[in-house]
Amino acid sequence: MRESTIENYLVERVKAMGGEVRKVKWIGRHGAPDRLAMLPGKTLWVELKAPGEKAKPHQVREHERMRRMGQRVEIVDSCERVDEVLA
């Protein structure tokens, strides 16, 4: 399965739940998450990966910085993981 397949599934699921997804471009900040998923009462940052792929060290550092600021950051590498983080 490709990362784009998981990304499309994420967008479909969020829209079905009444939410929206934005692709995020970070100027001058490497390692930040790919997507912002906005749902009624819940917002989360999503780092998309191909199945079994892990976050790179610079991504892990940036995700931790964001978490320390109270942000919810999730790494998603499967459609099942999409369902877990949206539950």
C-alpha atoms as a PDB file:
ATOM      1  CA  MET A   1       0.000   0.000   0.000  1.00  0.00           C
ATOM      2  CA  ARG A   2       1.250   3.463  -0.850  1.00  0.00           C
ATOM      3  CA  GLU A   3       1.353   6.505   1.416  1.00  0.00           C
ATOM      4  CA  SER A   4      -1.026   8.283  -0.978  1.00  0.00           C
ATOM      5  CA  THR A   5      -3.642   5.534  -0.465  1.00  0.00           C
ATOM      6  CA  ILE A   6      -3.485   6.086   3.305  1.00  0.00           C
ATOM      7  CA  GLU A   7      -3.655   9.843   2.788  1.00  0.00           C
ATOM      8  CA  ASN A   8      -6.780   9.521   0.634  1.00  0.00           C
ATOM      9  CA  TYR A   9      -8.381   7.270   3.255  1.00  0.00           C
ATOM     10  CA  LEU A  10      -7.598   9.833   5.982  1.00  0.00           C
ATOM     11  CA  VAL A  11      -9.245  12.614   3.968  1.00  0.00           C
ATOM     12  CA  GLU A  12     -12.328  10.477   3.230  1.00  0.00           C
ATOM     13  CA  ARG A  13     -12.755   9.433   6.876  1.00  0.00           C
ATOM     14  CA  VAL A  14     -12.335  12.956   8.257  1.00  0.00           C
ATOM     15  CA  LYS A  15     -14.830  14.363   5.736  1.00  0.00           C
ATOM     16  CA  ALA A  16     -17.303  11.575   6.604  1.00  0.00           C
ATOM     17  CA  MET A  17     -17.009  12.644  10.251  1.00  0.00           C
ATOM     18  CA  GLY A  18     -17.852  16.264   9.383  1.00  0.00           C
ATOM     19  CA  GLY A  19     -14.271  17.506   9.442  1.00  0.00           C
ATOM     20  CA  GLU A  20     -11.680  18.870   7.064  1.00  0.00           C
ATOM     21  CA  VAL A  21      -8.056  18.108   6.297  1.00  0.00           C
ATOM     22  CA  ARG A  22      -5.409  20.604   5.234  1.00  0.00           C
ATOM     23  CA  LYS A  23      -2.043  19.857   3.662  1.00  0.00           C
ATOM     24  CA  VAL A  24       0.524  21.978   5.450  1.00  0.00           C
ATOM     25  CA  LYS A  25       3.665  23.533   3.972  1.00  0.00           C
ATOM     26  CA  TRP A  26       6.192  24.554   6.607  1.00  0.00           C
ATOM     27  CA  ILE A  27       8.572  27.284   5.541  1.00  0.00           C
ATOM     28  CA  GLY A  28      11.877  27.050   7.392  1.00  0.00           C
ATOM     29  CA  ARG A  29      10.775  24.100   9.558  1.00  0.00           C
ATOM     30  CA  HIS A  30      11.835  20.585   8.595  1.00  0.00           C
ATOM     31  CA  GLY A  31      10.188  17.521  10.075  1.00  0.00           C
ATOM     32  CA  ALA A  32       6.768  18.998  10.787  1.00  0.00           C
ATOM     33  CA  PRO A  33       3.646  16.904  10.110  1.00  0.00           C
ATOM     34  CA  ASP A  34       2.090  16.682   6.640  1.00  0.00           C
ATOM     35  CA  ARG A  35      -1.556  17.250   7.476  1.00  0.00           C
ATOM     36  CA  LEU A  36      -3.845  19.059   9.879  1.00  0.00           C
ATOM     37  CA  ALA A  37      -7.076  17.152  10.561  1.00  0.00           C
ATOM     38  CA  MET A  38      -9.855  19.300  11.989  1.00  0.00           C
ATOM     39  CA  LEU A  39     -12.896  17.597  13.482  1.00  0.00           C
ATOM     40  CA  PRO A  40     -15.684  18.975  15.645  1.00  0.00           C
ATOM     41  CA  GLY A  41     -14.070  19.282  19.079  1.00  0.00           C
ATOM     42  CA  LYS A  42     -10.745  17.745  18.018  1.00  0.00           C
ATOM     43  CA  THR A  43      -7.699  18.841  16.032  1.00  0.00           C
ATOM     44  CA  LEU A  44      -4.659  16.711  15.298  1.00  0.00           C
ATOM     45  CA  TRP A  45      -1.501  16.851  13.248  1.00  0.00           C
ATOM     46  CA  VAL A  46      -0.825  13.790  11.100  1.00  0.00           C
ATOM     47  CA  GLU A  47       2.515  12.556   9.796  1.00  0.00           C
ATOM     48  CA  LEU A  48       1.774  10.114   6.975  1.00  0.00           C
ATOM     49  CA  LYS A  49       4.107   7.221   6.235  1.00  0.00           C
ATOM     50  CA  ALA A  50       4.124   4.205   3.952  1.00  0.00           C
ATOM     51  CA  PRO A  51       3.312   0.968   5.810  1.00  0.00           C
ATOM     52  CA  GLY A  52       6.066   0.066   8.264  1.00  0.00           C
ATOM     53  CA  GLU A  53       8.000   3.289   7.661  1.00  0.00           C
ATOM     54  CA  LYS A  54       9.142   5.167  10.773  1.00  0.00           C
ATOM     55  CA  ALA A  55       9.584   8.885  11.391  1.00  0.00           C
ATOM     56  CA  LYS A  56      13.080  10.199  10.730  1.00  0.00           C
ATOM     57  CA  PRO A  57      15.058  11.620  13.691  1.00  0.00           C
ATOM     58  CA  HIS A  58      14.444  15.255  12.665  1.00  0.00           C
ATOM     59  CA  GLN A  59      10.712  14.510  12.415  1.00  0.00           C
ATOM     60  CA  VAL A  60      10.674  12.888  15.853  1.00  0.00           C
ATOM     61  CA  ARG A  61      12.362  15.991  17.316  1.00  0.00           C
ATOM     62  CA  GLU A  62       9.847  18.360  15.703  1.00  0.00           C
ATOM     63  CA  HIS A  63       6.874  16.213  16.757  1.00  0.00           C
ATOM     64  CA  GLU A  64       8.137  16.232  20.342  1.00  0.00           C
ATOM     65  CA  ARG A  65       8.499  20.036  20.257  1.00  0.00           C
ATOM     66  CA  MET A  66       4.906  20.309  19.113  1.00  0.00           C
ATOM     67  CA  ARG A  67       3.679  17.855  21.762  1.00  0.00           C
ATOM     68  CA  ARG A  68       5.419  19.903  24.470  1.00  0.00           C
ATOM     69  CA  MET A  69       3.298  22.839  23.246  1.00  0.00           C
ATOM     70  CA  GLY A  70       0.143  20.783  23.798  1.00  0.00           C
ATOM     71  CA  GLN A  71      -0.370  19.680  20.203  1.00  0.00           C
ATOM     72  CA  ARG A  72      -1.573  16.183  19.324  1.00  0.00           C
ATOM     73  CA  VAL A  73       0.741  14.665  16.696  1.00  0.00           C
ATOM     74  CA  GLU A  74       0.102  11.183  15.291  1.00  0.00           C
ATOM     75  CA  ILE A  75       2.164   9.058  12.925  1.00  0.00           C
ATOM     76  CA  VAL A  76      -0.052   7.061  10.578  1.00  0.00           C
ATOM     77  CA  ASP A  77       1.195   4.218   8.368  1.00  0.00           C
ATOM     78  CA  SER A  78      -2.015   2.274   7.654  1.00  0.00           C
ATOM     79  CA  CYS A  79      -5.747   2.685   7.164  1.00  0.00           C
ATOM     80  CA  GLU A  80      -6.262   0.861  10.463  1.00  0.00           C
ATOM     81  CA  ARG A  81      -4.088   3.454  12.193  1.00  0.00           C
ATOM     82  CA  VAL A  82      -6.224   6.212  10.627  1.00  0.00           C
ATOM     83  CA  ASP A  83      -9.278   4.652  12.270  1.00  0.00           C
ATOM     84  CA  GLU A  84      -7.438   4.400  15.629  1.00  0.00           C
ATOM     85  CA  VAL A  85      -6.415   8.060  15.743  1.00  0.00           C
ATOM     86  CA  LEU A  86      -9.844   9.271  14.657  1.00  0.00           C
ATOM     87  CA  ALA A  87     -11.721   7.195  17.259  1.00  0.00           C
END
